[in-house]
């Protein structure tokens, strides 16, 4: 998968009943106008920032095999960490899995 240079890719992987977000700590830069791009493999997912988001939206729907971008950082201070929840659903509509990674706002 190819992303624009200013974007930070994050893979959401559901393999053999194990949900992983790689990397589990993404970085988004104020100065570079970074966005995070979530990509799903083996599932579809919802990304939710429950206590504030560094982006315009606090909720993102990621389709199975597809990707969605956050848009640039618009909130937060350099060094601030934003935890979010990834809820992934198996492709057959089966079980739901949850993990809690984070996005760190930086200036670099």
Protein backbone atom coordinates (compact mmCIF):
# COMPACT_ATOMS: atom_id res chain seq x y z
CA UNK A 1 0.00 0.00 0.00
CA UNK A 2 1.37 3.41 -0.94
CA UNK A 3 0.73 6.51 1.18
CA UNK A 4 1.58 10.17 0.57
CA UNK A 5 4.92 11.12 2.16
CA UNK A 6 3.31 13.28 4.86
CA UNK A 7 1.08 10.46 6.16
CA UNK A 8 1.82 8.06 9.00
CA UNK A 9 0.59 4.53 8.16
CA UNK A 10 -0.95 2.35 10.89
CA UNK A 11 -1.97 -1.24 10.09
CA UNK A 12 -4.91 -2.89 11.85
CA UNK A 13 -4.39 -6.64 11.60
CA UNK A 14 -6.75 -9.41 12.68
CA UNK A 15 -5.03 -12.76 12.26
CA UNK A 16 -6.09 -16.04 13.90
CA UNK A 17 -8.23 -14.27 16.49
CA UNK A 18 -5.51 -11.79 17.51
CA UNK A 19 -5.95 -8.04 16.87
CA UNK A 20 -2.80 -5.96 16.48
CA UNK A 21 -2.28 -2.31 15.65
CA UNK A 22 1.17 -1.71 14.15
CA UNK A 23 2.69 0.52 15.32
CA UNK A 24 0.70 0.92 18.51
CA UNK A 25 2.06 4.47 18.92
CA UNK A 26 1.65 6.70 15.88
CA UNK A 27 3.20 10.16 15.52
CA UNK A 28 1.53 13.10 13.79
CA UNK A 29 3.44 16.35 13.29
CA UNK A 30 2.04 19.87 13.55
CA UNK A 31 4.79 21.31 11.37
CA UNK A 32 4.55 18.68 8.62
CA UNK A 33 0.71 18.67 8.68
CA UNK A 34 0.82 14.87 9.14
CA UNK A 35 -2.22 12.68 9.11
CA UNK A 36 -2.51 9.09 10.31
CA UNK A 37 -3.74 6.57 7.74
CA UNK A 38 -5.33 3.43 9.19
CA UNK A 39 -5.36 0.31 6.97
CA UNK A 40 -7.34 -2.86 7.76
CA UNK A 41 -6.17 -6.40 7.00
CA UNK A 42 -8.51 -9.31 7.76
CA UNK A 43 -11.25 -7.16 9.32
CA UNK A 44 -13.15 -3.90 9.21
CA UNK A 45 -12.66 -1.46 12.07
CA UNK A 46 -13.81 1.62 13.89
CA UNK A 47 -11.26 4.04 15.38
CA UNK A 48 -12.63 6.15 18.25
CA UNK A 49 -10.93 8.87 20.32
CA UNK A 50 -13.05 8.97 23.48
CA UNK A 51 -11.27 11.77 25.39
CA UNK A 52 -10.38 14.24 22.69
CA UNK A 53 -8.75 13.86 19.30
CA UNK A 54 -5.78 15.58 17.68
CA UNK A 55 -7.82 15.61 14.44
CA UNK A 56 -11.06 17.32 13.33
CA UNK A 57 -13.02 14.08 13.84
CA UNK A 58 -12.91 11.72 16.81
CA UNK A 59 -14.34 8.72 14.89
CA UNK A 60 -13.13 6.93 11.73
CA UNK A 61 -14.60 3.92 9.88
CA UNK A 62 -11.98 1.75 8.16
CA UNK A 63 -13.33 -0.66 5.52
CA UNK A 64 -12.06 -4.21 5.14
CA UNK A 65 -8.95 -4.17 2.96
CA UNK A 66 -9.18 -0.38 2.72
CA UNK A 67 -7.82 2.65 4.46
CA UNK A 68 -8.92 6.01 5.86
CA UNK A 69 -6.90 9.11 6.72
CA UNK A 70 -7.36 11.32 9.77
CA UNK A 71 -6.59 14.65 8.15
CA UNK A 72 -3.91 16.92 9.66
CA UNK A 73 -3.38 17.59 13.37
CA UNK A 74 -5.62 20.44 14.59
CA UNK A 75 -5.62 19.90 18.40
CA UNK A 76 -3.12 19.18 21.11
CA UNK A 77 0.28 20.34 22.26
CA UNK A 78 3.62 18.97 21.12
CA UNK A 79 4.29 15.84 23.18
CA UNK A 80 0.61 15.30 24.04
CA UNK A 81 -0.63 11.71 23.78
CA UNK A 82 -4.15 10.80 22.59
CA UNK A 83 -5.35 7.28 23.35
CA UNK A 84 -7.93 5.75 21.05
CA UNK A 85 -9.84 2.50 20.75
CA UNK A 86 -9.80 0.24 17.71
CA UNK A 87 -12.80 -2.07 17.49
CA UNK A 88 -12.39 -4.63 14.72
CA UNK A 89 -15.02 -7.02 13.39
CA UNK A 90 -14.18 -10.25 11.60
CA UNK A 91 -14.94 -10.23 7.88
CA UNK A 92 -17.67 -12.85 8.32
CA UNK A 93 -19.47 -10.47 10.71
CA UNK A 94 -18.42 -12.57 13.68
CA UNK A 95 -16.55 -11.65 16.79
CA UNK A 96 -15.52 -8.12 17.79
CA UNK A 97 -12.02 -7.34 19.11
CA UNK A 98 -10.75 -4.19 20.88
CA UNK A 99 -7.30 -2.69 21.52
CA UNK A 100 -6.18 0.73 22.84
CA UNK A 101 -3.22 2.28 20.94
CA UNK A 102 -2.26 6.00 20.88
CA UNK A 103 -1.26 8.98 18.73
CA UNK A 104 1.46 11.37 19.89
CA UNK A 105 1.55 14.93 18.57
CA UNK A 106 5.07 16.04 17.72
CA UNK A 107 6.77 18.81 15.82
CA UNK A 108 9.08 16.88 13.72
